[in-house]
Amino acid sequence: MFFELIGNVAETELIAQGKSIRELPRLVKLYGKARWKKMKGNCDIRFKSGSVVKAELHWYEAHGVGRKEIKIKRLLD
């Protein structure tokens, strides 16, 4: 990962869960069968260059598996 999360993710929101996740077959193949959810939230992140910005993040998570494939969707002011 080329960035690091600083603090907790705030304003988390459920985007999709279960069969409404387009990537569900791939997630099950890679990480195992679980109750998958696609989530989004805001968090401060630090890039490897040292700069700190607030960003909107998207990720997949499941109980017992944790957060996987955290992506930066956009940088916030």
C-alpha atoms as a PDB file:
ATOM      1  CA  MET A   1       0.000   0.000   0.000  1.00  0.00           C
ATOM      2  CA  PHE A   2       1.426   3.409  -0.894  1.00  0.00           C
ATOM      3  CA  PHE A   3      -0.443   5.206   1.913  1.00  0.00           C
ATOM      4  CA  GLU A   4      -1.067   4.781   5.640  1.00  0.00           C
ATOM      5  CA  LEU A   5      -4.318   5.391   7.530  1.00  0.00           C
ATOM      6  CA  ILE A   6      -4.029   7.943  10.329  1.00  0.00           C
ATOM      7  CA  GLY A   7      -6.623   7.527  13.063  1.00  0.00           C
ATOM      8  CA  ASN A   8     -10.050   5.979  12.648  1.00  0.00           C
ATOM      9  CA  VAL A   9     -12.234   5.954   9.555  1.00  0.00           C
ATOM     10  CA  ALA A  10     -15.184   8.335  10.093  1.00  0.00           C
ATOM     11  CA  GLU A  11     -18.589   8.636   8.437  1.00  0.00           C
ATOM     12  CA  THR A  12     -18.641   4.983   7.378  1.00  0.00           C
ATOM     13  CA  GLU A  13     -21.471   3.997   5.081  1.00  0.00           C
ATOM     14  CA  LEU A  14     -22.587   0.692   3.597  1.00  0.00           C
ATOM     15  CA  ILE A  15     -22.556   0.743  -0.217  1.00  0.00           C
ATOM     16  CA  ALA A  16     -23.485  -2.874  -0.996  1.00  0.00           C
ATOM     17  CA  GLN A  17     -23.669  -6.264   0.685  1.00  0.00           C
ATOM     18  CA  GLY A  18     -24.015  -9.883  -0.298  1.00  0.00           C
ATOM     19  CA  LYS A  19     -25.036 -10.644  -3.867  1.00  0.00           C
ATOM     20  CA  SER A  20     -25.265  -6.966  -4.829  1.00  0.00           C
ATOM     21  CA  ILE A  21     -21.433  -6.739  -4.744  1.00  0.00           C
ATOM     22  CA  ARG A  22     -20.137  -7.121  -8.313  1.00  0.00           C
ATOM     23  CA  GLU A  23     -16.810  -8.547  -7.145  1.00  0.00           C
ATOM     24  CA  LEU A  24     -18.309 -11.173  -4.809  1.00  0.00           C
ATOM     25  CA  PRO A  25     -17.083 -14.308  -6.672  1.00  0.00           C
ATOM     26  CA  ARG A  26     -13.527 -12.920  -6.754  1.00  0.00           C
ATOM     27  CA  LEU A  27     -13.624 -12.001  -3.046  1.00  0.00           C
ATOM     28  CA  VAL A  28     -14.854 -15.476  -2.100  1.00  0.00           C
ATOM     29  CA  LYS A  29     -12.142 -17.085  -4.221  1.00  0.00           C
ATOM     30  CA  LEU A  30      -9.350 -14.948  -2.726  1.00  0.00           C
ATOM     31  CA  TYR A  31     -10.377 -14.584   0.924  1.00  0.00           C
ATOM     32  CA  GLY A  32     -13.050 -17.227   1.545  1.00  0.00           C
ATOM     33  CA  LYS A  33     -16.790 -17.400   1.973  1.00  0.00           C
ATOM     34  CA  ALA A  34     -18.074 -14.768   4.385  1.00  0.00           C
ATOM     35  CA  ARG A  35     -20.718 -12.080   4.707  1.00  0.00           C
ATOM     36  CA  TRP A  36     -19.055  -9.475   2.491  1.00  0.00           C
ATOM     37  CA  LYS A  37     -19.877  -5.760   2.574  1.00  0.00           C
ATOM     38  CA  LYS A  38     -18.604  -2.901   0.450  1.00  0.00           C
ATOM     39  CA  MET A  39     -18.048   0.168   2.606  1.00  0.00           C
ATOM     40  CA  LYS A  40     -16.966   3.779   2.277  1.00  0.00           C
ATOM     41  CA  GLY A  41     -15.701   6.358   4.740  1.00  0.00           C
ATOM     42  CA  ASN A  42     -13.440   9.354   5.283  1.00  0.00           C
ATOM     43  CA  CYS A  43     -10.021   9.280   6.897  1.00  0.00           C
ATOM     44  CA  ASP A  44      -6.750  11.182   7.072  1.00  0.00           C
ATOM     45  CA  ILE A  45      -4.022   9.370   5.148  1.00  0.00           C
ATOM     46  CA  ARG A  46      -0.262   9.793   4.899  1.00  0.00           C
ATOM     47  CA  PHE A  47       1.472   9.132   1.594  1.00  0.00           C
ATOM     48  CA  LYS A  48       5.010   7.738   1.472  1.00  0.00           C
ATOM     49  CA  SER A  49       6.193  11.247   0.581  1.00  0.00           C
ATOM     50  CA  GLY A  50       5.001  12.387   4.034  1.00  0.00           C
ATOM     51  CA  SER A  51       2.089  14.580   2.966  1.00  0.00           C
ATOM     52  CA  VAL A  52      -1.148  14.162   4.942  1.00  0.00           C
ATOM     53  CA  VAL A  53      -4.562  14.640   3.308  1.00  0.00           C
ATOM     54  CA  LYS A  54      -8.187  13.749   3.996  1.00  0.00           C
ATOM     55  CA  ALA A  55      -9.606  11.193   1.552  1.00  0.00           C
ATOM     56  CA  GLU A  56     -12.723   9.190   0.773  1.00  0.00           C
ATOM     57  CA  LEU A  57     -11.899   5.492   0.924  1.00  0.00           C
ATOM     58  CA  HIS A  58     -13.735   2.405  -0.357  1.00  0.00           C
ATOM     59  CA  TRP A  59     -13.049  -1.136   0.871  1.00  0.00           C
ATOM     60  CA  TYR A  60     -14.499  -4.609   1.304  1.00  0.00           C
ATOM     61  CA  GLU A  61     -14.909  -6.149   4.746  1.00  0.00           C
ATOM     62  CA  ALA A  62     -16.239  -9.302   6.343  1.00  0.00           C
ATOM     63  CA  HIS A  63     -16.453 -10.565   9.901  1.00  0.00           C
ATOM     64  CA  GLY A  64     -13.407 -12.650  10.718  1.00  0.00           C
ATOM     65  CA  VAL A  65     -11.566 -11.441   7.615  1.00  0.00           C
ATOM     66  CA  GLY A  66     -11.319  -7.682   8.220  1.00  0.00           C
ATOM     67  CA  ARG A  67     -10.846  -4.828   5.758  1.00  0.00           C
ATOM     68  CA  LYS A  68      -9.458  -5.773   2.373  1.00  0.00           C
ATOM     69  CA  GLU A  69      -8.508  -3.819  -0.743  1.00  0.00           C
ATOM     70  CA  ILE A  70      -8.679  -0.274   0.613  1.00  0.00           C
ATOM     71  CA  LYS A  71      -8.848   2.205  -2.282  1.00  0.00           C
ATOM     72  CA  ILE A  72      -8.635   6.004  -2.420  1.00  0.00           C
ATOM     73  CA  LYS A  73     -11.656   7.227  -4.364  1.00  0.00           C
ATOM     74  CA  ARG A  74     -11.076  10.962  -4.033  1.00  0.00           C
ATOM     75  CA  LEU A  75      -9.153  13.507  -2.026  1.00  0.00           C
ATOM     76  CA  LEU A  76     -11.209  15.866   0.137  1.00  0.00           C
ATOM     77  CA  ASP A  77     -10.490  19.464   1.193  1.00  0.00           C
END
